[in-house]
Amino acid sequence: MQNRRQFSRVLFSTDAEVIFNDHQYPCKLIDVSLHGALITKCDAFRGTTNTNATLRFMLPQSEIEIKMEVLVCYVEADHIGLKCHHIDINSITYLKRLIELNLSDDELLHRELAMLIHDTQQ
């Protein structure tokens, strides 16, 4: 199967929370990119594909919260795939730094940021 991802994902396991229809569901972040995330599925989660939600997580050992408005792309038995459609400037700054530290490829990161900016302007 060909990998068609445009954005590099970095493994980043931490506690997170997905908010859907004014309900908060605990989950674990599995990996994250500039364009989305993969989280564990909470048994109580009732969201379906193509619905909007909010993903929040704290950077470990800090008070920094990353918050993104997401679209549920797929729901599997144990995982939920999320696509980011809005993220505030503070969150994207911290997320960029997190990915930068984990990618160790500045050129790839800058290329992905350019694609993200181009994508949001269309």
PDB file of N, CA and C in Angstrom:
ATOM      1  N   MET A   1       0.837  -1.186   0.000  1.00  0.00           N
ATOM      2  CA  MET A   1       0.000   0.000   0.000  1.00  0.00           C
ATOM      3  C   MET A   1       0.875   1.240   0.000  1.00  0.00           C
ATOM      4  N   GLN A   2       0.601   2.154  -0.868  1.00  0.00           N
ATOM      5  CA  GLN A   2       1.395   3.368  -1.018  1.00  0.00           C
ATOM      6  C   GLN A   2       1.012   4.376   0.058  1.00  0.00           C
ATOM      7  N   ASN A   3       2.033   4.982   0.696  1.00  0.00           N
ATOM      8  CA  ASN A   3       1.792   6.008   1.705  1.00  0.00           C
ATOM      9  C   ASN A   3       1.577   7.338   1.006  1.00  0.00           C
ATOM     10  N   ARG A   4       0.374   7.903   1.122  1.00  0.00           N
ATOM     11  CA  ARG A   4       0.053   9.146   0.434  1.00  0.00           C
ATOM     12  C   ARG A   4       0.079  10.346   1.365  1.00  0.00           C
ATOM     13  N   ARG A   5       0.626  10.194   2.554  1.00  0.00           N
ATOM     14  CA  ARG A   5       0.659  11.295   3.512  1.00  0.00           C
ATOM     15  C   ARG A   5       1.517  12.438   2.995  1.00  0.00           C
ATOM     16  N   GLN A   6       1.011  13.658   3.174  1.00  0.00           N
ATOM     17  CA  GLN A   6       1.774  14.844   2.818  1.00  0.00           C
ATOM     18  C   GLN A   6       2.521  15.397   4.023  1.00  0.00           C
ATOM     19  N   PHE A   7       2.086  15.029   5.222  1.00  0.00           N
ATOM     20  CA  PHE A   7       2.663  15.569   6.440  1.00  0.00           C
ATOM     21  C   PHE A   7       3.234  14.442   7.281  1.00  0.00           C
ATOM     22  N   SER A   8       4.460  14.650   7.760  1.00  0.00           N
ATOM     23  CA  SER A   8       5.125  13.637   8.575  1.00  0.00           C
ATOM     24  C   SER A   8       4.484  13.563   9.943  1.00  0.00           C
ATOM     25  N   ARG A   9       4.253  12.346  10.376  1.00  0.00           N
ATOM     26  CA  ARG A   9       3.714  12.130  11.718  1.00  0.00           C
ATOM     27  C   ARG A   9       4.865  11.769  12.634  1.00  0.00           C
ATOM     28  N   VAL A  10       4.768  12.247  13.859  1.00  0.00           N
ATOM     29  CA  VAL A  10       5.756  11.864  14.862  1.00  0.00           C
ATOM     30  C   VAL A  10       5.027  11.134  15.978  1.00  0.00           C
ATOM     31  N   LEU A  11       5.636  10.065  16.448  1.00  0.00           N
ATOM     32  CA  LEU A  11       5.070   9.335  17.571  1.00  0.00           C
ATOM     33  C   LEU A  11       5.167  10.220  18.799  1.00  0.00           C
ATOM     34  N   PHE A  12       4.054  10.399  19.466  1.00  0.00           N
ATOM     35  CA  PHE A  12       4.029  11.251  20.644  1.00  0.00           C
ATOM     36  C   PHE A  12       2.888  10.791  21.531  1.00  0.00           C
ATOM     37  N   SER A  13       3.209   9.988  22.500  1.00  0.00           N
ATOM     38  CA  SER A  13       2.188   9.402  23.364  1.00  0.00           C
ATOM     39  C   SER A  13       2.008  10.262  24.611  1.00  0.00           C
ATOM     40  N   THR A  14       0.795  10.760  24.794  1.00  0.00           N
ATOM     41  CA  THR A  14       0.459  11.536  25.979  1.00  0.00           C
ATOM     42  C   THR A  14      -1.049  11.501  26.179  1.00  0.00           C
ATOM     43  N   ASP A  15      -1.477  11.809  27.390  1.00  0.00           N
ATOM     44  CA  ASP A  15      -2.910  11.894  27.647  1.00  0.00           C
ATOM     45  C   ASP A  15      -3.500  13.048  26.849  1.00  0.00           C
ATOM     46  N   ALA A  16      -4.716  12.849  26.378  1.00  0.00           N
ATOM     47  CA  ALA A  16      -5.392  13.881  25.598  1.00  0.00           C
ATOM     48  C   ALA A  16      -6.880  13.821  25.903  1.00  0.00           C
ATOM     49  N   GLU A  17      -7.598  14.709  25.270  1.00  0.00           N
ATOM     50  CA  GLU A  17      -9.040  14.775  25.447  1.00  0.00           C
ATOM     51  C   GLU A  17      -9.649  15.196  24.118  1.00  0.00           C
ATOM     52  N   VAL A  18     -10.689  14.490  23.713  1.00  0.00           N
ATOM     53  CA  VAL A  18     -11.428  14.879  22.519  1.00  0.00           C
ATOM     54  C   VAL A  18     -12.807  15.345  22.991  1.00  0.00           C
ATOM     55  N   ILE A  19     -13.229  16.494  22.477  1.00  0.00           N
ATOM     56  CA  ILE A  19     -14.502  17.073  22.869  1.00  0.00           C
ATOM     57  C   ILE A  19     -15.429  17.000  21.661  1.00  0.00           C
ATOM     58  N   PHE A  20     -16.573  16.367  21.878  1.00  0.00           N
ATOM     59  CA  PHE A  20     -17.538  16.147  20.811  1.00  0.00           C
ATOM     60  C   PHE A  20     -18.931  16.334  21.388  1.00  0.00           C
ATOM     61  N   ASN A  21     -19.729  17.207  20.765  1.00  0.00           N
ATOM     62  CA  ASN A  21     -21.101  17.490  21.233  1.00  0.00           C
ATOM     63  C   ASN A  21     -21.134  17.821  22.728  1.00  0.00           C
ATOM     64  N   ASP A  22     -20.248  18.711  23.147  1.00  0.00           N
ATOM     65  CA  ASP A  22     -20.182  19.176  24.544  1.00  0.00           C
ATOM     66  C   ASP A  22     -19.868  18.077  25.551  1.00  0.00           C
ATOM     67  N   HIS A  23     -19.363  16.938  25.103  1.00  0.00           N
ATOM     68  CA  HIS A  23     -18.923  15.868  25.990  1.00  0.00           C
ATOM     69  C   HIS A  23     -17.413  15.713  25.831  1.00  0.00           C
ATOM     70  N   GLN A  24     -16.740  15.486  26.938  1.00  0.00           N
ATOM     71  CA  GLN A  24     -15.296  15.307  26.932  1.00  0.00           C
ATOM     72  C   GLN A  24     -14.975  13.821  27.102  1.00  0.00           C
ATOM     73  N   TYR A  25     -14.116  13.331  26.199  1.00  0.00           N
ATOM     74  CA  TYR A  25     -13.736  11.922  26.231  1.00  0.00           C
ATOM     75  C   TYR A  25     -12.224  11.814  26.412  1.00  0.00           C
ATOM     76  N   PRO A  26     -11.772  11.102  27.441  1.00  0.00           N
ATOM     77  CA  PRO A  26     -10.331  10.924  27.609  1.00  0.00           C
ATOM     78  C   PRO A  26      -9.797   9.974  26.546  1.00  0.00           C
ATOM     79  N   CYS A  27      -8.583  10.237  26.123  1.00  0.00           N
ATOM     80  CA  CYS A  27      -7.934   9.384  25.131  1.00  0.00           C
ATOM     81  C   CYS A  27      -6.432   9.527  25.287  1.00  0.00           C
ATOM     82  N   LYS A  28      -5.708   8.814  24.465  1.00  0.00           N
ATOM     83  CA  LYS A  28      -4.248   8.936  24.404  1.00  0.00           C
ATOM     84  C   LYS A  28      -3.877   9.372  22.997  1.00  0.00           C
ATOM     85  N   LEU A  29      -3.019  10.336  22.915  1.00  0.00           N
ATOM     86  CA  LEU A  29      -2.462  10.738  21.628  1.00  0.00           C
ATOM     87  C   LEU A  29      -1.438   9.675  21.247  1.00  0.00           C
ATOM     88  N   ILE A  30      -1.518   9.185  20.017  1.00  0.00           N
ATOM     89  CA  ILE A  30      -0.574   8.170  19.542  1.00  0.00           C
ATOM     90  C   ILE A  30       0.487   8.816  18.671  1.00  0.00           C
ATOM     91  N   ASP A  31       0.024   9.592  17.692  1.00  0.00           N
ATOM     92  CA  ASP A  31       0.958  10.364  16.879  1.00  0.00           C
ATOM     93  C   ASP A  31       0.277  11.639  16.434  1.00  0.00           C
ATOM     94  N   VAL A  32       1.092  12.576  15.955  1.00  0.00           N
ATOM     95  CA  VAL A  32       0.583  13.899  15.598  1.00  0.00           C
ATOM     96  C   VAL A  32       1.387  14.444  14.428  1.00  0.00           C
ATOM     97  N   SER A  33       0.740  15.269  13.625  1.00  0.00           N
ATOM     98  CA  SER A  33       1.404  15.962  12.522  1.00  0.00           C
ATOM     99  C   SER A  33       0.873  17.393  12.498  1.00  0.00           C
ATOM    100  N   LEU A  34       1.360  18.184  11.576  1.00  0.00           N
ATOM    101  CA  LEU A  34       0.850  19.545  11.420  1.00  0.00           C
ATOM    102  C   LEU A  34      -0.578  19.548  10.902  1.00  0.00           C
ATOM    103  N   HIS A  35      -1.030  18.411  10.427  1.00  0.00           N
ATOM    104  CA  HIS A  35      -2.336  18.351   9.764  1.00  0.00           C
ATOM    105  C   HIS A  35      -3.327  17.400  10.433  1.00  0.00           C
ATOM    106  N   GLY A  36      -2.949  16.804  11.567  1.00  0.00           N
ATOM    107  CA  GLY A  36      -3.885  15.894  12.212  1.00  0.00           C
ATOM    108  C   GLY A  36      -3.244  15.058  13.285  1.00  0.00           C
ATOM    109  N   ALA A  37      -4.005  14.063  13.746  1.00  0.00           N
ATOM    110  CA  ALA A  37      -3.528  13.221  14.836  1.00  0.00           C
ATOM    111  C   ALA A  37      -4.227  11.869  14.800  1.00  0.00           C
ATOM    112  N   LEU A  38      -3.604  10.923  15.470  1.00  0.00           N
ATOM    113  CA  LEU A  38      -4.190   9.613  15.684  1.00  0.00           C
ATOM    114  C   LEU A  38      -4.307   9.445  17.192  1.00  0.00           C
ATOM    115  N   ILE A  39      -5.513   9.091  17.656  1.00  0.00           N
ATOM    116  CA  ILE A  39      -5.746   8.934  19.085  1.00  0.00           C
ATOM    117  C   ILE A  39      -6.368   7.564  19.359  1.00  0.00           C
ATOM    118  N   THR A  40      -6.302   7.148  20.631  1.00  0.00           N
ATOM    119  CA  THR A  40      -6.994   5.931  21.019  1.00  0.00           C
ATOM    120  C   THR A  40      -8.484   6.238  21.117  1.00  0.00           C
ATOM    121  N   LYS A  41      -9.289   5.222  20.930  1.00  0.00           N
ATOM    122  CA  LYS A  41     -10.742   5.402  20.987  1.00  0.00           C
ATOM    123  C   LYS A  41     -11.242   5.050  22.385  1.00  0.00           C
ATOM    124  N   CYS A  42     -11.950   5.972  22.981  1.00  0.00           N
ATOM    125  CA  CYS A  42     -12.614   5.751  24.256  1.00  0.00           C
ATOM    126  C   CYS A  42     -13.910   4.993  23.970  1.00  0.00           C
ATOM    127  N   ASP A  43     -14.223   3.989  24.769  1.00  0.00           N
ATOM    128  CA  ASP A  43     -15.437   3.201  24.535  1.00  0.00           C
ATOM    129  C   ASP A  43     -16.706   4.043  24.520  1.00  0.00           C
ATOM    130  N   ALA A  44     -16.718   5.125  25.275  1.00  0.00           N
ATOM    131  CA  ALA A  44     -17.918   5.959  25.365  1.00  0.00           C
ATOM    132  C   ALA A  44     -18.069   6.908  24.175  1.00  0.00           C
ATOM    133  N   PHE A  45     -17.016   7.073  23.363  1.00  0.00           N
ATOM    134  CA  PHE A  45     -17.063   8.023  22.246  1.00  0.00           C
ATOM    135  C   PHE A  45     -18.111   7.598  21.223  1.00  0.00           C
ATOM    136  N   ARG A  46     -18.984   8.520  20.856  1.00  0.00           N
ATOM    137  CA  ARG A  46     -20.076   8.233  19.929  1.00  0.00           C
ATOM    138  C   ARG A  46     -19.977   9.025  18.625  1.00  0.00           C
ATOM    139  N   GLY A  47     -18.858   9.658  18.396  1.00  0.00           N
ATOM    140  CA  GLY A  47     -18.681  10.413  17.160  1.00  0.00           C
ATOM    141  C   GLY A  47     -18.576   9.504  15.955  1.00  0.00           C
ATOM    142  N   THR A  48     -18.908  10.053  14.811  1.00  0.00           N
ATOM    143  CA  THR A  48     -18.808   9.312  13.562  1.00  0.00           C
ATOM    144  C   THR A  48     -17.929  10.092  12.597  1.00  0.00           C
ATOM    145  N   THR A  49     -17.624   9.490  11.484  1.00  0.00           N
ATOM    146  CA  THR A  49     -16.790  10.167  10.499  1.00  0.00           C
ATOM    147  C   THR A  49     -17.484  11.426   9.994  1.00  0.00           C
ATOM    148  N   ASN A  50     -16.662  12.363   9.555  1.00  0.00           N
ATOM    149  CA  ASN A  50     -17.107  13.648   9.015  1.00  0.00           C
ATOM    150  C   ASN A  50     -17.848  14.508  10.032  1.00  0.00           C
ATOM    151  N   THR A  51     -17.508  14.347  11.311  1.00  0.00           N
ATOM    152  CA  THR A  51     -18.053  15.217  12.341  1.00  0.00           C
ATOM    153  C   THR A  51     -16.920  16.038  12.944  1.00  0.00           C
ATOM    154  N   ASN A  52     -17.250  17.208  13.433  1.00  0.00           N
ATOM    155  CA  ASN A  52     -16.260  18.103  14.036  1.00  0.00           C
ATOM    156  C   ASN A  52     -16.083  17.808  15.513  1.00  0.00           C
ATOM    157  N   ALA A  53     -14.871  18.012  15.980  1.00  0.00           N
ATOM    158  CA  ALA A  53     -14.540  17.808  17.385  1.00  0.00           C
ATOM    159  C   ALA A  53     -13.364  18.726  17.720  1.00  0.00           C
ATOM    160  N   THR A  54     -12.962  18.721  18.967  1.00  0.00           N
ATOM    161  CA  THR A  54     -11.789  19.467  19.416  1.00  0.00           C
ATOM    162  C   THR A  54     -10.853  18.493  20.112  1.00  0.00           C
ATOM    163  N   LEU A  55      -9.580  18.577  19.786  1.00  0.00           N
ATOM    164  CA  LEU A  55      -8.557  17.762  20.431  1.00  0.00           C
ATOM    165  C   LEU A  55      -7.703  18.678  21.294  1.00  0.00           C
ATOM    166  N   ARG A  56      -7.483  18.271  22.539  1.00  0.00           N
ATOM    167  CA  ARG A  56      -6.625  19.042  23.447  1.00  0.00           C
ATOM    168  C   ARG A  56      -5.648  18.105  24.125  1.00  0.00           C
ATOM    169  N   PHE A  57      -4.408  18.574  24.254  1.00  0.00           N
ATOM    170  CA  PHE A  57      -3.426  17.835  25.045  1.00  0.00           C
ATOM    171  C   PHE A  57      -2.369  18.785  25.561  1.00  0.00           C
ATOM    172  N   MET A  58      -1.791  18.411  26.682  1.00  0.00           N
ATOM    173  CA  MET A  58      -0.746  19.210  27.313  1.00  0.00           C
ATOM    174  C   MET A  58       0.613  18.625  26.947  1.00  0.00           C
ATOM    175  N   LEU A  59       1.570  19.489  26.750  1.00  0.00           N
ATOM    176  CA  LEU A  59       2.933  18.999  26.579  1.00  0.00           C
ATOM    177  C   LEU A  59       3.425  18.531  27.943  1.00  0.00           C
ATOM    178  N   PRO A  60       4.005  17.346  28.007  1.00  0.00           N
ATOM    179  CA  PRO A  60       4.420  16.796  29.304  1.00  0.00           C
ATOM    180  C   PRO A  60       5.366  17.728  30.055  1.00  0.00           C
ATOM    181  N   GLN A  61       5.196  17.756  31.348  1.00  0.00           N
ATOM    182  CA  GLN A  61       6.038  18.539  32.253  1.00  0.00           C
ATOM    183  C   GLN A  61       6.008  20.027  31.931  1.00  0.00           C
ATOM    184  N   SER A  62       4.836  20.506  31.508  1.00  0.00           N
ATOM    185  CA  SER A  62       4.687  21.937  31.228  1.00  0.00           C
ATOM    186  C   SER A  62       3.220  22.325  31.396  1.00  0.00           C
ATOM    187  N   GLU A  63       2.952  23.594  31.268  1.00  0.00           N
ATOM    188  CA  GLU A  63       1.584  24.114  31.311  1.00  0.00           C
ATOM    189  C   GLU A  63       1.093  24.450  29.905  1.00  0.00           C
ATOM    190  N   ILE A  64       1.791  23.965  28.887  1.00  0.00           N
ATOM    191  CA  ILE A  64       1.471  24.305  27.498  1.00  0.00           C
ATOM    192  C   ILE A  64       0.421  23.345  26.958  1.00  0.00           C
ATOM    193  N   GLU A  65      -0.695  23.940  26.519  1.00  0.00           N
ATOM    194  CA  GLU A  65      -1.776  23.158  25.928  1.00  0.00           C
ATOM    195  C   GLU A  65      -1.807  23.385  24.422  1.00  0.00           C
ATOM    196  N   ILE A  66      -1.941  22.298  23.678  1.00  0.00           N
ATOM    197  CA  ILE A  66      -2.153  22.378  22.239  1.00  0.00           C
ATOM    198  C   ILE A  66      -3.601  21.996  21.999  1.00  0.00           C
ATOM    199  N   LYS A  67      -4.285  22.854  21.274  1.00  0.00           N
ATOM    200  CA  LYS A  67      -5.710  22.657  21.022  1.00  0.00           C
ATOM    201  C   LYS A  67      -5.958  22.832  19.533  1.00  0.00           C
ATOM    202  N   MET A  68      -6.649  21.877  18.930  1.00  0.00           N
ATOM    203  CA  MET A  68      -6.961  21.977  17.508  1.00  0.00           C
ATOM    204  C   MET A  68      -8.400  21.550  17.240  1.00  0.00           C
ATOM    205  N   GLU A  69      -9.017  22.267  16.326  1.00  0.00           N
ATOM    206  CA  GLU A  69     -10.341  21.891  15.851  1.00  0.00           C
ATOM    207  C   GLU A  69     -10.119  20.857  14.765  1.00  0.00           C
ATOM    208  N   VAL A  70     -10.807  19.731  14.870  1.00  0.00           N
ATOM    209  CA  VAL A  70     -10.530  18.608  13.974  1.00  0.00           C
ATOM    210  C   VAL A  70     -11.807  18.058  13.347  1.00  0.00           C
ATOM    211  N   LEU A  71     -11.597  17.322  12.283  1.00  0.00           N
ATOM    212  CA  LEU A  71     -12.647  16.556  11.625  1.00  0.00           C
ATOM    213  C   LEU A  71     -12.324  15.088  11.851  1.00  0.00           C
ATOM    214  N   VAL A  72     -13.298  14.323  12.274  1.00  0.00           N
ATOM    215  CA  VAL A  72     -13.093  12.881  12.467  1.00  0.00           C
ATOM    216  C   VAL A  72     -13.067  12.235  11.078  1.00  0.00           C
ATOM    217  N   CYS A  73     -11.911  11.718  10.695  1.00  0.00           N
ATOM    218  CA  CYS A  73     -11.759  11.102   9.369  1.00  0.00           C
ATOM    219  C   CYS A  73     -12.158   9.637   9.368  1.00  0.00           C
ATOM    220  N   TYR A  74     -11.785   8.920  10.416  1.00  0.00           N
ATOM    221  CA  TYR A  74     -12.185   7.521  10.515  1.00  0.00           C
ATOM    222  C   TYR A  74     -12.210   7.096  11.974  1.00  0.00           C
ATOM    223  N   VAL A  75     -13.060   6.142  12.263  1.00  0.00           N
ATOM    224  CA  VAL A  75     -13.181   5.566  13.595  1.00  0.00           C
ATOM    225  C   VAL A  75     -13.030   4.059  13.437  1.00  0.00           C
ATOM    226  N   GLU A  76     -12.015   3.499  14.080  1.00  0.00           N
ATOM    227  CA  GLU A  76     -11.792   2.065  14.063  1.00  0.00           C
ATOM    228  C   GLU A  76     -12.033   1.523  15.464  1.00  0.00           C
ATOM    229  N   ALA A  77     -11.855   0.244  15.653  1.00  0.00           N
ATOM    230  CA  ALA A  77     -12.120  -0.385  16.948  1.00  0.00           C
ATOM    231  C   ALA A  77     -11.319   0.262  18.078  1.00  0.00           C
ATOM    232  N   ASP A  78     -10.052   0.581  17.814  1.00  0.00           N
ATOM    233  CA  ASP A  78      -9.179   1.105  18.869  1.00  0.00           C
ATOM    234  C   ASP A  78      -8.643   2.507  18.609  1.00  0.00           C
ATOM    235  N   HIS A  79      -8.843   3.038  17.398  1.00  0.00           N
ATOM    236  CA  HIS A  79      -8.221   4.304  17.014  1.00  0.00           C
ATOM    237  C   HIS A  79      -9.200   5.243  16.329  1.00  0.00           C
ATOM    238  N   ILE A  80      -8.886   6.524  16.411  1.00  0.00           N
ATOM    239  CA  ILE A  80      -9.645   7.550  15.698  1.00  0.00           C
ATOM    240  C   ILE A  80      -8.635   8.418  14.958  1.00  0.00           C
ATOM    241  N   GLY A  81      -8.852   8.605  13.660  1.00  0.00           N
ATOM    242  CA  GLY A  81      -8.003   9.467  12.854  1.00  0.00           C
ATOM    243  C   GLY A  81      -8.638  10.838  12.731  1.00  0.00           C
ATOM    244  N   LEU A  82      -7.869  11.881  13.028  1.00  0.00           N
ATOM    245  CA  LEU A  82      -8.368  13.248  13.038  1.00  0.00           C
ATOM    246  C   LEU A  82      -7.604  14.120  12.053  1.00  0.00           C
ATOM    247  N   LYS A  83      -8.318  14.994  11.363  1.00  0.00           N
ATOM    248  CA  LYS A  83      -7.702  15.964  10.457  1.00  0.00           C
ATOM    249  C   LYS A  83      -7.937  17.353  11.020  1.00  0.00           C
ATOM    250  N   CYS A  84      -6.868  18.095  11.189  1.00  0.00           N
ATOM    251  CA  CYS A  84      -6.962  19.446  11.745  1.00  0.00           C
ATOM    252  C   CYS A  84      -7.505  20.402  10.684  1.00  0.00           C
ATOM    253  N   HIS A  85      -8.537  21.173  11.045  1.00  0.00           N
ATOM    254  CA  HIS A  85      -9.019  22.194  10.122  1.00  0.00           C
ATOM    255  C   HIS A  85      -8.859  23.596  10.697  1.00  0.00           C
ATOM    256  N   HIS A  86      -8.492  23.717  11.980  1.00  0.00           N
ATOM    257  CA  HIS A  86      -8.172  25.019  12.569  1.00  0.00           C
ATOM    258  C   HIS A  86      -7.321  24.813  13.806  1.00  0.00           C
ATOM    259  N   ILE A  87      -6.298  25.662  13.926  1.00  0.00           N
ATOM    260  CA  ILE A  87      -5.438  25.635  15.110  1.00  0.00           C
ATOM    261  C   ILE A  87      -4.978  27.066  15.352  1.00  0.00           C
ATOM    262  N   ASP A  88      -4.987  27.488  16.622  1.00  0.00           N
ATOM    263  CA  ASP A  88      -4.592  28.866  16.929  1.00  0.00           C
ATOM    264  C   ASP A  88      -3.083  29.025  16.801  1.00  0.00           C
ATOM    265  N   ILE A  89      -2.644  30.277  16.763  1.00  0.00           N
ATOM    266  CA  ILE A  89      -1.228  30.582  16.507  1.00  0.00           C
ATOM    267  C   ILE A  89      -0.314  30.030  17.604  1.00  0.00           C
ATOM    268  N   ASN A  90      -0.740  30.093  18.853  1.00  0.00           N
ATOM    269  CA  ASN A  90       0.105  29.557  19.926  1.00  0.00           C
ATOM    270  C   ASN A  90       0.244  28.043  19.809  1.00  0.00           C
ATOM    271  N   SER A  91      -0.858  27.359  19.554  1.00  0.00           N
ATOM    272  CA  SER A  91      -0.813  25.905  19.438  1.00  0.00           C
ATOM    273  C   SER A  91       0.036  25.459  18.258  1.00  0.00           C
ATOM    274  N   ILE A  92      -0.099  26.129  17.105  1.00  0.00           N
ATOM    275  CA  ILE A  92       0.698  25.721  15.937  1.00  0.00           C
ATOM    276  C   ILE A  92       2.179  25.994  16.176  1.00  0.00           C
ATOM    277  N   THR A  93       2.488  27.041  16.918  1.00  0.00           N
ATOM    278  CA  THR A  93       3.889  27.339  17.229  1.00  0.00           C
ATOM    279  C   THR A  93       4.497  26.220  18.064  1.00  0.00           C
ATOM    280  N   TYR A  94       3.787  25.791  19.098  1.00  0.00           N
ATOM    281  CA  TYR A  94       4.288  24.707  19.942  1.00  0.00           C
ATOM    282  C   TYR A  94       4.300  23.375  19.196  1.00  0.00           C
ATOM    283  N   LEU A  95       3.279  23.135  18.391  1.00  0.00           N
ATOM    284  CA  LEU A  95       3.232  21.894  17.620  1.00  0.00           C
ATOM    285  C   LEU A  95       4.375  21.839  16.613  1.00  0.00           C
ATOM    286  N   LYS A  96       4.631  22.948  15.957  1.00  0.00           N
ATOM    287  CA  LYS A  96       5.754  23.025  15.011  1.00  0.00           C
ATOM    288  C   LYS A  96       7.067  22.688  15.722  1.00  0.00           C
ATOM    289  N   ARG A  97       7.255  23.236  16.896  1.00  0.00           N
ATOM    290  CA  ARG A  97       8.492  22.980  17.633  1.00  0.00           C
ATOM    291  C   ARG A  97       8.589  21.514  18.055  1.00  0.00           C
ATOM    292  N   LEU A  98       7.480  20.957  18.503  1.00  0.00           N
ATOM    293  CA  LEU A  98       7.444  19.541  18.874  1.00  0.00           C
ATOM    294  C   LEU A  98       7.838  18.662  17.696  1.00  0.00           C
ATOM    295  N   ILE A  99       7.271  18.933  16.533  1.00  0.00           N
ATOM    296  CA  ILE A  99       7.570  18.138  15.343  1.00  0.00           C
ATOM    297  C   ILE A  99       9.009  18.376  14.897  1.00  0.00           C
ATOM    298  N   GLU A 100       9.449  19.611  14.963  1.00  0.00           N
ATOM    299  CA  GLU A 100      10.820  19.949  14.597  1.00  0.00           C
ATOM    300  C   GLU A 100      11.826  19.161  15.435  1.00  0.00           C
ATOM    301  N   LEU A 101      11.582  19.069  16.720  1.00  0.00           N
ATOM    302  CA  LEU A 101      12.497  18.339  17.605  1.00  0.00           C
ATOM    303  C   LEU A 101      12.492  16.842  17.330  1.00  0.00           C
ATOM    304  N   ASN A 102      11.362  16.325  16.862  1.00  0.00           N
ATOM    305  CA  ASN A 102      11.245  14.890  16.620  1.00  0.00           C
ATOM    306  C   ASN A 102      11.592  14.476  15.195  1.00  0.00           C
ATOM    307  N   LEU A 103      11.493  15.387  14.242  1.00  0.00           N
ATOM    308  CA  LEU A 103      11.809  15.052  12.844  1.00  0.00           C
ATOM    309  C   LEU A 103      13.295  15.086  12.557  1.00  0.00           C
ATOM    310  N   SER A 104      13.981  16.042  13.136  1.00  0.00           N
ATOM    311  CA  SER A 104      15.400  16.297  12.884  1.00  0.00           C
ATOM    312  C   SER A 104      15.699  16.491  11.397  1.00  0.00           C
ATOM    313  N   ASP A 105      14.760  17.082  10.673  1.00  0.00           N
ATOM    314  CA  ASP A 105      14.940  17.400   9.257  1.00  0.00           C
ATOM    315  C   ASP A 105      14.266  18.741   8.983  1.00  0.00           C
ATOM    316  N   ASP A 106      15.032  19.829   9.139  1.00  0.00           N
ATOM    317  CA  ASP A 106      14.483  21.178   8.991  1.00  0.00           C
ATOM    318  C   ASP A 106      13.876  21.422   7.613  1.00  0.00           C
ATOM    319  N   GLU A 107      14.517  20.905   6.581  1.00  0.00           N
ATOM    320  CA  GLU A 107      14.024  21.125   5.221  1.00  0.00           C
ATOM    321  C   GLU A 107      12.638  20.497   5.028  1.00  0.00           C
ATOM    322  N   LEU A 108      12.471  19.287   5.535  1.00  0.00           N
ATOM    323  CA  LEU A 108      11.176  18.621   5.435  1.00  0.00           C
ATOM    324  C   LEU A 108      10.113  19.394   6.207  1.00  0.00           C
ATOM    325  N   LEU A 109      10.429  19.870   7.395  1.00  0.00           N
ATOM    326  CA  LEU A 109       9.479  20.637   8.195  1.00  0.00           C
ATOM    327  C   LEU A 109       9.062  21.910   7.470  1.00  0.00           C
ATOM    328  N   HIS A 110      10.004  22.645   6.913  1.00  0.00           N
ATOM    329  CA  HIS A 110       9.668  23.887   6.203  1.00  0.00           C
ATOM    330  C   HIS A 110       8.830  23.614   4.960  1.00  0.00           C
ATOM    331  N   ARG A 111       9.096  22.521   4.281  1.00  0.00           N
ATOM    332  CA  ARG A 111       8.295  22.140   3.116  1.00  0.00           C
ATOM    333  C   ARG A 111       6.854  21.830   3.536  1.00  0.00           C
ATOM    334  N   GLU A 112       6.698  21.130   4.658  1.00  0.00           N
ATOM    335  CA  GLU A 112       5.367  20.802   5.151  1.00  0.00           C
ATOM    336  C   GLU A 112       4.623  22.050   5.629  1.00  0.00           C
ATOM    337  N   LEU A 113       5.320  22.976   6.255  1.00  0.00           N
ATOM    338  CA  LEU A 113       4.685  24.229   6.664  1.00  0.00           C
ATOM    339  C   LEU A 113       4.203  25.014   5.447  1.00  0.00           C
ATOM    340  N   ALA A 114       5.007  25.034   4.402  1.00  0.00           N
ATOM    341  CA  ALA A 114       4.605  25.730   3.170  1.00  0.00           C
ATOM    342  C   ALA A 114       3.366  25.077   2.568  1.00  0.00           C
ATOM    343  N   MET A 115       3.305  23.743   2.586  1.00  0.00           N
ATOM    344  CA  MET A 115       2.115  23.043   2.072  1.00  0.00           C
ATOM    345  C   MET A 115       0.891  23.366   2.922  1.00  0.00           C
ATOM    346  N   LEU A 116       1.084  23.431   4.249  1.00  0.00           N
ATOM    347  CA  LEU A 116      -0.030  23.740   5.145  1.00  0.00           C
ATOM    348  C   LEU A 116      -0.547  25.147   4.900  1.00  0.00           C
ATOM    349  N   ILE A 117       0.330  26.103   4.741  1.00  0.00           N
ATOM    350  CA  ILE A 117      -0.083  27.477   4.480  1.00  0.00           C
ATOM    351  C   ILE A 117      -0.788  27.562   3.134  1.00  0.00           C
ATOM    352  N   HIS A 118      -0.239  26.900   2.122  1.00  0.00           N
ATOM    353  CA  HIS A 118      -0.855  26.904   0.795  1.00  0.00           C
ATOM    354  C   HIS A 118      -2.243  26.260   0.854  1.00  0.00           C
ATOM    355  N   ASP A 119      -2.368  25.178   1.622  1.00  0.00           N
ATOM    356  CA  ASP A 119      -3.628  24.452   1.750  1.00  0.00           C
ATOM    357  C   ASP A 119      -4.717  25.319   2.382  1.00  0.00           C
ATOM    358  N   THR A 120      -4.357  26.133   3.398  1.00  0.00           N
ATOM    359  CA  THR A 120      -5.349  26.946   4.083  1.00  0.00           C
ATOM    360  C   THR A 120      -5.750  28.188   3.269  1.00  0.00           C
ATOM    361  N   GLN A 121      -4.950  28.563   2.315  1.00  0.00           N
ATOM    362  CA  GLN A 121      -5.265  29.751   1.497  1.00  0.00           C
ATOM    363  C   GLN A 121      -6.177  29.413   0.326  1.00  0.00           C
ATOM    364  N   GLN A 122      -6.398  28.153   0.072  1.00  0.00           N
ATOM    365  CA  GLN A 122      -7.265  27.762  -1.052  1.00  0.00           C
ATOM    366  C   GLN A 122      -8.704  27.707  -0.645  1.00  0.00           C
TER     367      GLN A 122
END
